[in-house]
């Protein structure tokens, strides 16, 4: 679940760049989601760990 206070804090930190930051973050979310799916399909545990960690970090940045 997205935390509204975290989103508002991010907006106060990034100001006018908040929208661009969120667009990039959402784009990266899709990229890492796909990477996780692909690494599971080919049984690449190293790529799975890297992609999952990256996805977790992005979600933390946007307050999810």
C-alpha atoms as a PDB file:
ATOM      1  CA  UNK A   1       0.000   0.000   0.000  1.00  0.00           C
ATOM      2  CA  UNK A   2       1.283   3.472  -0.845  1.00  0.00           C
ATOM      3  CA  UNK A   3       1.790   5.757   2.135  1.00  0.00           C
ATOM      4  CA  UNK A   4       0.313   9.194   1.363  1.00  0.00           C
ATOM      5  CA  UNK A   5       2.652  10.924   3.828  1.00  0.00           C
ATOM      6  CA  UNK A   6       5.685   9.419   2.087  1.00  0.00           C
ATOM      7  CA  UNK A   7       4.440  10.636  -1.284  1.00  0.00           C
ATOM      8  CA  UNK A   8       3.887  14.142   0.092  1.00  0.00           C
ATOM      9  CA  UNK A   9       7.349  14.091   1.661  1.00  0.00           C
ATOM     10  CA  UNK A  10       8.861  13.085  -1.690  1.00  0.00           C
ATOM     11  CA  UNK A  11       7.029  15.946  -3.387  1.00  0.00           C
ATOM     12  CA  UNK A  12       8.380  18.392  -0.817  1.00  0.00           C
ATOM     13  CA  UNK A  13      11.916  17.060  -1.353  1.00  0.00           C
ATOM     14  CA  UNK A  14      11.841  16.896  -5.159  1.00  0.00           C
ATOM     15  CA  UNK A  15       9.560  19.869  -5.811  1.00  0.00           C
ATOM     16  CA  UNK A  16       8.862  20.353  -9.509  1.00  0.00           C
ATOM     17  CA  UNK A  17      10.904  17.263 -10.318  1.00  0.00           C
ATOM     18  CA  UNK A  18       8.536  15.006  -8.326  1.00  0.00           C
ATOM     19  CA  UNK A  19       6.442  14.199 -11.387  1.00  0.00           C
ATOM     20  CA  UNK A  20       9.500  13.270 -13.453  1.00  0.00           C
ATOM     21  CA  UNK A  21      10.888  11.246 -10.547  1.00  0.00           C
ATOM     22  CA  UNK A  22       7.629   9.284 -10.269  1.00  0.00           C
ATOM     23  CA  UNK A  23       7.521   8.693 -14.045  1.00  0.00           C
ATOM     24  CA  UNK A  24      11.054   7.306 -13.984  1.00  0.00           C
ATOM     25  CA  UNK A  25      10.273   5.213 -10.915  1.00  0.00           C
ATOM     26  CA  UNK A  26       7.171   3.734 -12.523  1.00  0.00           C
ATOM     27  CA  UNK A  27       9.132   2.957 -15.673  1.00  0.00           C
ATOM     28  CA  UNK A  28      11.808   1.238 -13.590  1.00  0.00           C
ATOM     29  CA  UNK A  29       9.144  -0.708 -11.694  1.00  0.00           C
ATOM     30  CA  UNK A  30       7.968  -2.255 -14.949  1.00  0.00           C
ATOM     31  CA  UNK A  31      11.537  -3.001 -16.031  1.00  0.00           C
ATOM     32  CA  UNK A  32      12.399  -4.810 -12.803  1.00  0.00           C
ATOM     33  CA  UNK A  33       9.045  -6.591 -12.687  1.00  0.00           C
ATOM     34  CA  UNK A  34       9.789  -7.983 -16.150  1.00  0.00           C
ATOM     35  CA  UNK A  35      13.338  -8.888 -15.130  1.00  0.00           C
ATOM     36  CA  UNK A  36      12.013 -10.800 -12.114  1.00  0.00           C
ATOM     37  CA  UNK A  37       9.551 -12.681 -14.305  1.00  0.00           C
ATOM     38  CA  UNK A  38      12.242 -13.517 -16.882  1.00  0.00           C
ATOM     39  CA  UNK A  39      14.791 -14.611 -14.290  1.00  0.00           C
ATOM     40  CA  UNK A  40      12.242 -17.001 -12.801  1.00  0.00           C
ATOM     41  CA  UNK A  41      11.517 -18.424 -16.253  1.00  0.00           C
ATOM     42  CA  UNK A  42      15.199 -19.143 -16.910  1.00  0.00           C
ATOM     43  CA  UNK A  43      16.056 -20.033 -13.294  1.00  0.00           C
ATOM     44  CA  UNK A  44      18.636 -17.243 -12.910  1.00  0.00           C
ATOM     45  CA  UNK A  45      18.776 -16.778  -9.146  1.00  0.00           C
ATOM     46  CA  UNK A  46      21.448 -14.073  -9.280  1.00  0.00           C
ATOM     47  CA  UNK A  47      19.390 -11.889 -11.629  1.00  0.00           C
ATOM     48  CA  UNK A  48      16.289 -12.588  -9.549  1.00  0.00           C
ATOM     49  CA  UNK A  49      18.019 -11.356  -6.381  1.00  0.00           C
ATOM     50  CA  UNK A  50      19.348  -8.209  -8.062  1.00  0.00           C
ATOM     51  CA  UNK A  51      16.018  -7.345  -9.683  1.00  0.00           C
ATOM     52  CA  UNK A  52      14.016  -8.030  -6.523  1.00  0.00           C
ATOM     53  CA  UNK A  53      16.347  -5.835  -4.476  1.00  0.00           C
ATOM     54  CA  UNK A  54      16.104  -3.042  -7.049  1.00  0.00           C
ATOM     55  CA  UNK A  55      12.320  -3.296  -7.117  1.00  0.00           C
ATOM     56  CA  UNK A  56      12.183  -3.190  -3.319  1.00  0.00           C
ATOM     57  CA  UNK A  57      14.380  -0.069  -3.285  1.00  0.00           C
ATOM     58  CA  UNK A  58      12.198   1.750  -5.811  1.00  0.00           C
ATOM     59  CA  UNK A  59       9.053   0.881  -3.872  1.00  0.00           C
ATOM     60  CA  UNK A  60      10.656   2.192  -0.681  1.00  0.00           C
ATOM     61  CA  UNK A  61      11.565   5.468  -2.404  1.00  0.00           C
ATOM     62  CA  UNK A  62       7.993   6.111  -3.465  1.00  0.00           C
ATOM     63  CA  UNK A  63       6.547   5.089  -0.130  1.00  0.00           C
ATOM     64  CA  UNK A  64       4.953   1.808  -1.083  1.00  0.00           C
END
